[in-house]
C-alpha atoms as a PDB file:
ATOM      1  CA  MET A   1      72.713 -39.261-220.987  1.00  0.00           C
ATOM      2  CA  ALA A   2      73.195 -35.538-220.592  1.00  0.00           C
ATOM      3  CA  MET A   3      75.617 -34.167-218.073  1.00  0.00           C
ATOM      4  CA  TYR A   4      77.148 -30.850-217.176  1.00  0.00           C
ATOM      5  CA  ILE A   5      80.727 -29.743-216.874  1.00  0.00           C
ATOM      6  CA  ARG A   6      81.942 -26.527-215.282  1.00  0.00           C
ATOM      7  CA  VAL A   7      84.398 -24.668-217.476  1.00  0.00           C
ATOM      8  CA  LYS A   8      86.243 -22.048-215.461  1.00  0.00           C
ATOM      9  CA  ARG A   9      88.466 -19.150-216.359  1.00  0.00           C
ATOM     10  CA  SER A  10      89.364 -16.382-213.959  1.00  0.00           C
ATOM     11  CA  LYS A  11      86.155 -15.558-212.062  1.00  0.00           C
ATOM     12  CA  THR A  12      83.810 -16.944-214.693  1.00  0.00           C
ATOM     13  CA  THR A  13      82.204 -20.368-214.760  1.00  0.00           C
ATOM     14  CA  TYR A  14      80.404 -21.673-217.850  1.00  0.00           C
ATOM     15  CA  PHE A  15      78.002 -24.537-217.258  1.00  0.00           C
ATOM     16  CA  ILE A  16      78.139 -26.601-220.416  1.00  0.00           C
ATOM     17  CA  GLN A  17      75.564 -29.279-221.089  1.00  0.00           C
ATOM     18  CA  CYS A  18      77.184 -32.150-222.890  1.00  0.00           C
ATOM     19  CA  ASP A  19      77.180 -35.869-223.426  1.00  0.00           C
ATOM     20  CA  PRO A  20      79.930 -38.364-222.520  1.00  0.00           C
ATOM     21  CA  THR A  21      80.194 -39.319-226.207  1.00  0.00           C
ATOM     22  CA  GLU A  22      80.967 -35.762-227.284  1.00  0.00           C
ATOM     23  CA  THR A  23      84.548 -34.850-228.028  1.00  0.00           C
ATOM     24  CA  THR A  24      86.632 -32.084-226.543  1.00  0.00           C
ATOM     25  CA  LEU A  25      86.260 -30.301-229.886  1.00  0.00           C
ATOM     26  CA  ASP A  26      82.474 -30.352-229.484  1.00  0.00           C
ATOM     27  CA  ILE A  27      82.858 -28.622-226.131  1.00  0.00           C
ATOM     28  CA  LYS A  28      85.188 -26.029-227.631  1.00  0.00           C
ATOM     29  CA  GLN A  29      82.588 -25.339-230.324  1.00  0.00           C
ATOM     30  CA  LYS A  30      80.003 -24.684-227.613  1.00  0.00           C
ATOM     31  CA  LEU A  31      82.434 -22.379-225.822  1.00  0.00           C
ATOM     32  CA  HIS A  32      83.150 -20.594-229.075  1.00  0.00           C
ATOM     33  CA  THR A  33      79.535 -19.446-229.231  1.00  0.00           C
ATOM     34  CA  LEU A  34      79.795 -18.160-225.652  1.00  0.00           C
ATOM     35  CA  ILE A  35      83.188 -16.495-225.611  1.00  0.00           C
ATOM     36  CA  ASP A  36      83.931 -15.739-229.258  1.00  0.00           C
ATOM     37  CA  GLN A  37      87.347 -17.409-229.124  1.00  0.00           C
ATOM     38  CA  PRO A  38      88.296 -19.753-232.006  1.00  0.00           C
ATOM     39  CA  VAL A  39      88.452 -23.406-231.018  1.00  0.00           C
ATOM     40  CA  ASN A  40      92.160 -23.637-231.828  1.00  0.00           C
ATOM     41  CA  ASP A  41      92.830 -20.798-229.376  1.00  0.00           C
ATOM     42  CA  GLN A  42      91.200 -22.687-226.520  1.00  0.00           C
ATOM     43  CA  ARG A  43      92.810 -25.260-224.298  1.00  0.00           C
ATOM     44  CA  LEU A  44      90.813 -27.299-221.809  1.00  0.00           C
ATOM     45  CA  ILE A  45      92.437 -28.903-218.780  1.00  0.00           C
ATOM     46  CA  LEU A  46      90.680 -31.407-216.543  1.00  0.00           C
ATOM     47  CA  MET A  47      91.372 -30.132-213.054  1.00  0.00           C
ATOM     48  CA  SER A  48      90.992 -33.440-211.247  1.00  0.00           C
ATOM     49  CA  ASN A  49      94.178 -34.791-212.850  1.00  0.00           C
ATOM     50  CA  GLY A  50      95.737 -31.847-214.704  1.00  0.00           C
ATOM     51  CA  ASP A  51      95.397 -33.494-218.112  1.00  0.00           C
ATOM     52  CA  ILE A  52      95.025 -31.358-221.220  1.00  0.00           C
ATOM     53  CA  LEU A  53      91.936 -32.609-223.057  1.00  0.00           C
ATOM     54  CA  GLU A  54      92.534 -33.755-226.616  1.00  0.00           C
ATOM     55  CA  ASP A  55      90.182 -32.479-229.312  1.00  0.00           C
ATOM     56  CA  SER A  56      89.603 -35.837-230.953  1.00  0.00           C
ATOM     57  CA  LYS A  57      88.829 -37.820-227.807  1.00  0.00           C
ATOM     58  CA  THR A  58      85.447 -38.126-226.178  1.00  0.00           C
ATOM     59  CA  LEU A  59      84.756 -36.893-222.693  1.00  0.00           C
ATOM     60  CA  ALA A  60      84.192 -40.466-221.523  1.00  0.00           C
ATOM     61  CA  ASP A  61      87.585 -41.518-222.931  1.00  0.00           C
ATOM     62  CA  GLN A  62      89.253 -38.813-220.892  1.00  0.00           C
ATOM     63  CA  LYS A  63      87.441 -39.514-217.626  1.00  0.00           C
ATOM     64  CA  VAL A  64      85.470 -36.279-217.733  1.00  0.00           C
ATOM     65  CA  GLU A  65      82.460 -36.965-215.570  1.00  0.00           C
ATOM     66  CA  ASN A  66      79.303 -35.111-214.656  1.00  0.00           C
ATOM     67  CA  ASP A  67      80.050 -31.874-212.813  1.00  0.00           C
ATOM     68  CA  ALA A  68      83.745 -32.067-213.672  1.00  0.00           C
ATOM     69  CA  VAL A  69      85.699 -28.838-213.368  1.00  0.00           C
ATOM     70  CA  VAL A  70      87.614 -27.971-216.528  1.00  0.00           C
ATOM     71  CA  ALA A  71      89.954 -25.011-216.794  1.00  0.00           C
ATOM     72  CA  LEU A  72      89.862 -22.934-219.967  1.00  0.00           C
ATOM     73  CA  THR A  73      93.061 -21.260-221.079  1.00  0.00           C
ATOM     74  CA  LEU A  74      93.397 -19.119-224.181  1.00  0.00           C
ATOM     75  CA  ARG A  75      96.209 -18.647-226.633  1.00  0.00           C
ATOM     76  CA  LYS A  76      98.171 -15.444-226.087  1.00  0.00           C
ATOM     77  CA  ASP A  77      99.713 -13.174-228.693  1.00  0.00           C
ATOM     78  CA  ASP A  78     103.030 -15.020-228.528  1.00  0.00           C
ATOM     79  CA  ASN A  79     101.235 -18.261-229.444  1.00  0.00           C
ATOM     80  CA  GLU A  80     101.742 -19.733-225.984  1.00  0.00           C
ATOM     81  CA  PHE A  81      98.767 -20.612-223.857  1.00  0.00           C
ATOM     82  CA  GLU A  82      98.127 -18.644-220.715  1.00  0.00           C
ATOM     83  CA  ASP A  83      98.517 -20.344-217.362  1.00  0.00           C
ATOM     84  CA  VAL A  84      95.443 -21.693-215.677  1.00  0.00           C
ATOM     85  CA  ASN A  85      93.877 -18.739-213.954  1.00  0.00           C
ATOM     86  CA  ILE A  86      90.984 -19.660-211.718  1.00  0.00           C
ATOM     87  CA  VAL A  87      90.017 -17.624-208.720  1.00  0.00           C
ATOM     88  CA  LYS A  88      89.752 -20.188-206.010  1.00  0.00           C
ATOM     89  CA  PRO A  89      86.345 -21.080-204.659  1.00  0.00           C
ATOM     90  CA  ASN A  90      86.396 -23.410-201.706  1.00  0.00           C
ATOM     91  CA  ASP A  91      85.760 -26.498-203.772  1.00  0.00           C
ATOM     92  CA  PHE A  92      88.749 -25.960-206.003  1.00  0.00           C
ATOM     93  CA  TYR A  93      91.614 -28.413-205.952  1.00  0.00           C
ATOM     94  CA  GLN A  94      95.094 -27.192-206.665  1.00  0.00           C
ATOM     95  CA  SER A  95      96.659 -28.370-209.847  1.00  0.00           C
ATOM     96  CA  ARG A  96      99.536 -30.714-209.289  1.00  0.00           C
ATOM     97  CA  ASP A  97     102.081 -28.272-210.750  1.00  0.00           C
ATOM     98  CA  THR A  98     101.990 -25.939-207.767  1.00  0.00           C
ATOM     99  CA  ASP A  99     103.591 -26.636-204.475  1.00  0.00           C
ATOM    100  CA  SER A 100     101.253 -27.247-201.617  1.00  0.00           C
ATOM    101  CA  GLY A 101      99.704 -24.732-199.354  1.00  0.00           C
ATOM    102  CA  ASN A 102     100.531 -21.405-200.959  1.00  0.00           C
ATOM    103  CA  TRP A 103      96.961 -20.187-201.077  1.00  0.00           C
END
């Protein structure tokens, strides 16, 4: 059963067609062809709960559902990952790390 997820970074949204049985790594491979960033330099975060998606787990295992919004962060030069940087459309939910109402 095919589904779509929305992978967002900054002002860009990638619509990725995928299957609930695919793993996070499969999604990163698809992104790799789009953004030319190695899979190990990508981190995907499910925005509905703030969880970092694990490469070896399937989307279904991690409660990634059709039309889920997933943030993409990339590894920086100092080997840390950048913060989630998504320009807020109206349907965007704040991640739980930020305090409320500072938009």
